[in-house]
N, C-alpha and C. Protein backbone atom coordinates (compact mmCIF):
# COMPACT_ATOMS: atom_id res chain seq x y z
N MET A 1 -31.91 35.51 83.29
CA MET A 1 -31.70 34.58 84.53
C MET A 1 -31.75 33.44 83.20
N LEU A 2 -32.12 32.94 81.97
CA LEU A 2 -31.51 31.84 81.42
C LEU A 2 -29.19 32.71 80.65
N GLY A 3 -29.04 33.11 81.20
CA GLY A 3 -27.92 33.45 80.77
C GLY A 3 -27.27 34.38 79.30
N GLU A 4 -28.83 33.90 78.73
CA GLU A 4 -28.31 34.40 76.93
C GLU A 4 -28.43 35.52 77.00
N GLY A 5 -27.49 35.99 75.96
CA GLY A 5 -28.34 37.96 76.06
C GLY A 5 -29.75 38.39 75.30
N VAL A 6 -30.20 39.00 75.89
CA VAL A 6 -31.66 39.21 74.76
C VAL A 6 -31.88 39.22 73.57
N ALA A 7 -30.58 39.59 72.81
CA ALA A 7 -30.37 39.22 71.88
C ALA A 7 -31.05 38.26 71.05
N LEU A 8 -30.18 37.28 70.95
CA LEU A 8 -30.72 35.75 71.22
C LEU A 8 -31.45 35.38 71.57
N LEU A 9 -31.74 35.66 72.54
CA LEU A 9 -33.40 34.84 73.11
C LEU A 9 -34.73 36.11 72.24
N GLU A 10 -34.72 36.76 71.90
CA GLU A 10 -35.03 37.40 70.44
C GLU A 10 -35.23 36.87 69.05
N ALA A 11 -33.44 36.25 68.99
CA ALA A 11 -33.93 36.29 67.72
C ALA A 11 -34.73 35.18 67.86
N ILE A 12 -34.40 33.71 68.92
CA ILE A 12 -34.89 32.43 68.94
C ILE A 12 -36.29 32.93 68.94
N VAL A 13 -37.21 33.41 69.97
CA VAL A 13 -38.49 33.86 70.13
C VAL A 13 -38.74 34.36 68.83
N SER A 14 -38.87 34.86 67.97
CA SER A 14 -39.63 35.57 66.85
C SER A 14 -39.67 34.24 66.19
N ASN A 15 -38.85 33.59 65.60
CA ASN A 15 -39.71 32.77 64.88
C ASN A 15 -40.61 31.61 65.76
N HIS A 16 -41.76 31.42 66.07
CA HIS A 16 -42.89 30.61 66.65
C HIS A 16 -42.71 29.14 66.56
N ASP A 17 -41.78 29.23 65.74
CA ASP A 17 -42.19 27.48 65.29
C ASP A 17 -41.03 26.76 66.41
N ASN A 18 -40.52 27.70 66.03
CA ASN A 18 -38.98 27.10 67.57
C ASN A 18 -39.88 26.93 68.96
N LEU A 19 -40.83 27.06 69.07
CA LEU A 19 -41.82 27.05 71.35
C LEU A 19 -42.93 25.99 70.33
N THR A 20 -43.33 24.92 71.32
CA THR A 20 -44.63 24.41 70.23
C THR A 20 -45.31 25.82 70.93
N TYR A 21 -46.98 25.63 70.42
CA TYR A 21 -47.84 26.17 70.33
C TYR A 21 -48.34 26.76 72.16
N GLY A 22 -48.37 27.82 71.94
CA GLY A 22 -49.23 28.12 73.34
C GLY A 22 -47.54 29.01 75.01
N ALA A 23 -46.61 27.87 73.85
CA ALA A 23 -45.29 28.20 74.36
C ALA A 23 -45.02 29.93 74.83
N ILE A 24 -44.74 30.37 73.46
CA ILE A 24 -44.95 32.60 73.27
C ILE A 24 -46.45 33.34 73.23
N ILE A 25 -46.23 33.94 74.39
CA ILE A 25 -47.89 34.25 74.21
C ILE A 25 -47.69 36.03 73.68
N SER A 26 -48.76 36.95 73.58
CA SER A 26 -48.43 38.78 73.19
C SER A 26 -49.15 38.76 74.81
N VAL A 27 -49.12 39.99 75.41
CA VAL A 27 -49.31 40.35 76.69
C VAL A 27 -49.49 41.75 75.58
N TYR A 28 -50.15 42.20 76.41
CA TYR A 28 -50.70 43.79 74.95
C TYR A 28 -50.73 44.85 76.24
N THR A 29 -49.97 45.16 76.32
CA THR A 29 -49.84 46.34 76.59
C THR A 29 -50.19 47.80 76.78
N GLY A 30 -50.94 48.01 75.99
CA GLY A 30 -52.21 48.77 75.57
C GLY A 30 -52.58 48.70 74.25
N PRO A 31 -53.89 49.31 74.09
CA PRO A 31 -54.52 49.45 73.00
C PRO A 31 -53.55 49.49 71.79
N ASP A 32 -52.68 49.51 71.28
CA ASP A 32 -52.42 48.87 70.37
C ASP A 32 -50.82 48.91 70.50
N GLU A 33 -50.51 48.57 71.47
CA GLU A 33 -49.22 47.68 71.88
C GLU A 33 -49.09 46.40 72.11
N ALA A 34 -48.20 45.65 72.38
CA ALA A 34 -48.09 44.28 72.82
C ALA A 34 -46.78 43.51 72.91
N ILE A 35 -46.09 43.29 73.72
CA ILE A 35 -44.79 42.77 73.68
C ILE A 35 -45.26 40.87 74.04
N THR A 36 -43.87 40.13 73.35
CA THR A 36 -43.92 38.80 73.57
C THR A 36 -43.95 38.28 74.15
N ALA A 37 -44.08 37.40 75.29
CA ALA A 37 -43.10 36.73 76.33
C ALA A 37 -43.86 35.03 76.50
N LEU A 38 -42.95 35.16 76.98
CA LEU A 38 -43.61 33.40 77.56
C LEU A 38 -43.74 32.44 78.82
N THR A 39 -44.05 32.01 78.30
CA THR A 39 -44.93 31.24 79.67
C THR A 39 -44.27 30.09 81.04
N ASP A 40 -44.75 29.61 81.82
CA ASP A 40 -43.29 29.05 82.52
C ASP A 40 -43.36 28.06 81.42
N ARG A 41 -44.02 26.47 80.27
CA ARG A 41 -43.09 26.09 80.08
C ARG A 41 -42.73 26.36 78.69
N GLY A 42 -42.79 27.93 78.50
CA GLY A 42 -42.02 28.40 77.03
C GLY A 42 -40.62 28.34 77.33
N VAL A 43 -40.37 29.33 79.09
CA VAL A 43 -39.06 29.49 79.64
C VAL A 43 -38.28 27.94 79.61
N GLU A 44 -39.18 27.30 80.36
CA GLU A 44 -38.44 24.96 80.39
C GLU A 44 -37.89 25.21 79.04
N GLU A 45 -39.03 24.86 77.68
CA GLU A 45 -38.37 24.72 76.82
C GLU A 45 -37.08 25.47 75.82
N LEU A 46 -37.07 26.76 76.69
CA LEU A 46 -36.31 27.45 75.73
C LEU A 46 -34.89 26.90 77.28
N THR A 47 -35.44 27.26 77.92
CA THR A 47 -34.24 25.88 78.97
C THR A 47 -33.36 25.27 77.86
N ASP A 48 -34.48 23.84 78.21
CA ASP A 48 -33.81 22.90 77.82
C ASP A 48 -32.59 23.01 76.04
N MET A 49 -33.28 23.60 75.05
CA MET A 49 -32.74 23.71 74.82
C MET A 49 -31.58 24.60 74.19
N LEU A 50 -31.19 25.59 75.42
CA LEU A 50 -30.00 25.77 75.12
C LEU A 50 -28.84 25.29 75.85
N SER A 51 -29.21 24.24 76.83
CA SER A 51 -28.55 23.63 77.88
C SER A 51 -28.03 22.91 77.16
N GLU A 52 -27.85 22.11 76.19
CA GLU A 52 -26.74 21.07 75.58
C GLU A 52 -25.89 21.97 74.03
N PRO A 53 -26.18 22.57 73.66
CA PRO A 53 -25.92 23.28 72.44
C PRO A 53 -23.92 23.95 72.88
N ARG A 54 -24.10 24.49 73.60
CA ARG A 54 -23.07 25.24 74.47
C ARG A 54 -22.16 23.61 74.13
N LEU A 55 -22.12 22.85 74.64
CA LEU A 55 -20.56 21.58 74.75
C LEU A 55 -19.73 21.68 74.18
N THR A 56 -20.22 22.15 72.39
CA THR A 56 -18.82 22.48 71.37
C THR A 56 -19.05 23.26 70.64
N THR A 57 -18.52 23.39 70.48
CA THR A 57 -18.42 24.63 69.20
C THR A 57 -18.88 24.38 67.74
N LYS A 58 -19.09 22.82 67.03
CA LYS A 58 -19.47 22.39 66.41
C LYS A 58 -21.61 22.49 66.38
N THR A 59 -21.63 21.26 67.82
CA THR A 59 -23.49 22.09 67.90
C THR A 59 -23.82 23.18 68.05
N TRP A 60 -22.71 24.66 68.66
CA TRP A 60 -23.22 24.87 69.35
C TRP A 60 -23.67 26.20 67.08
N HIS A 61 -22.11 25.90 66.87
CA HIS A 61 -23.12 27.03 65.63
C HIS A 61 -24.20 25.98 64.89
N GLN A 62 -24.17 24.84 64.74
CA GLN A 62 -25.24 24.20 64.28
C GLN A 62 -26.83 24.46 64.72
N PHE A 63 -26.95 25.22 65.61
CA PHE A 63 -27.87 25.39 66.55
C PHE A 63 -28.54 26.67 66.30
N LEU A 64 -27.14 27.04 66.54
CA LEU A 64 -28.04 29.22 66.01
C LEU A 64 -28.15 28.55 63.96
N ASP A 65 -27.11 27.95 63.34
CA ASP A 65 -28.22 27.75 62.21
C ASP A 65 -29.40 27.63 61.84
N ASP A 66 -29.58 25.92 62.99
CA ASP A 66 -31.28 26.49 62.84
C ASP A 66 -32.43 26.80 63.66
N PHE A 67 -31.51 27.38 64.27
CA PHE A 67 -32.99 28.09 65.40
C PHE A 67 -32.74 29.96 65.37
N VAL A 68 -31.54 30.54 64.49
CA VAL A 68 -31.95 32.31 64.13
C VAL A 68 -32.23 32.32 63.05
N ASP A 69 -32.43 32.95 62.37
CA ASP A 69 -33.03 33.37 61.11
C ASP A 69 -32.44 33.60 60.32
N ASP A 70 -31.59 35.02 61.62
CA ASP A 70 -31.20 35.88 60.37
C ASP A 70 -29.46 35.41 60.16
N PRO A 71 -29.41 35.45 59.28
CA PRO A 71 -27.89 34.95 59.08
C PRO A 71 -26.75 35.65 60.19
N GLU A 72 -26.86 37.19 59.26
CA GLU A 72 -25.93 38.04 60.05
C GLU A 72 -26.06 38.02 61.34
N LEU A 73 -27.63 37.70 62.04
CA LEU A 73 -27.05 37.57 64.05
C LEU A 73 -26.60 36.63 64.23
N ALA A 74 -26.77 35.23 63.46
CA ALA A 74 -26.03 33.87 63.91
C ALA A 74 -24.66 33.89 63.80
N ALA A 75 -24.54 34.64 62.62
CA ALA A 75 -23.12 35.24 62.22
C ALA A 75 -21.86 35.59 63.88
N ARG A 76 -22.60 36.88 63.82
CA ARG A 76 -22.53 37.84 64.87
C ARG A 76 -22.31 36.53 66.31
N PHE A 77 -22.89 35.94 66.77
CA PHE A 77 -23.53 34.91 67.45
C PHE A 77 -22.34 34.15 67.94
N LYS A 78 -21.68 33.78 66.78
CA LYS A 78 -20.86 32.66 66.64
C LYS A 78 -19.86 33.31 67.14
N ALA A 79 -19.24 34.78 66.16
CA ALA A 79 -18.43 34.63 66.98
C ALA A 79 -17.61 34.64 67.94
N ARG A 80 -19.10 35.21 68.76
CA ARG A 80 -18.59 34.80 69.67
C ARG A 80 -17.88 33.83 70.32
N ALA A 81 -16.94 33.41 71.42
CA ALA A 81 -17.15 32.49 72.81
C ALA A 81 -17.62 31.46 73.40
N LEU A 82 -17.26 30.03 73.71
CA LEU A 82 -18.73 30.07 74.15
C LEU A 82 -17.90 29.84 75.55
N ARG A 83 -19.15 30.40 76.00
CA ARG A 83 -19.34 30.42 77.89
C ARG A 83 -18.89 28.83 78.71
């Protein structure tokens, strides 16, 4: 839906500071199991967040440095060509 890989979206959403309070929720699928989900507002925020950084390689790399906590994962995303 957002045109991004699941790994990148998970990396961004895994840090609850990346989106505003209430944009990320836990949905319980069983007594001891839950999945992370986004509210409609969270999807809008994430869409807005991803729209500008892909304009240049420099802005994309800065975005990854700012929003992906795992340096190895950020490096993997940086190695991919911009769309």
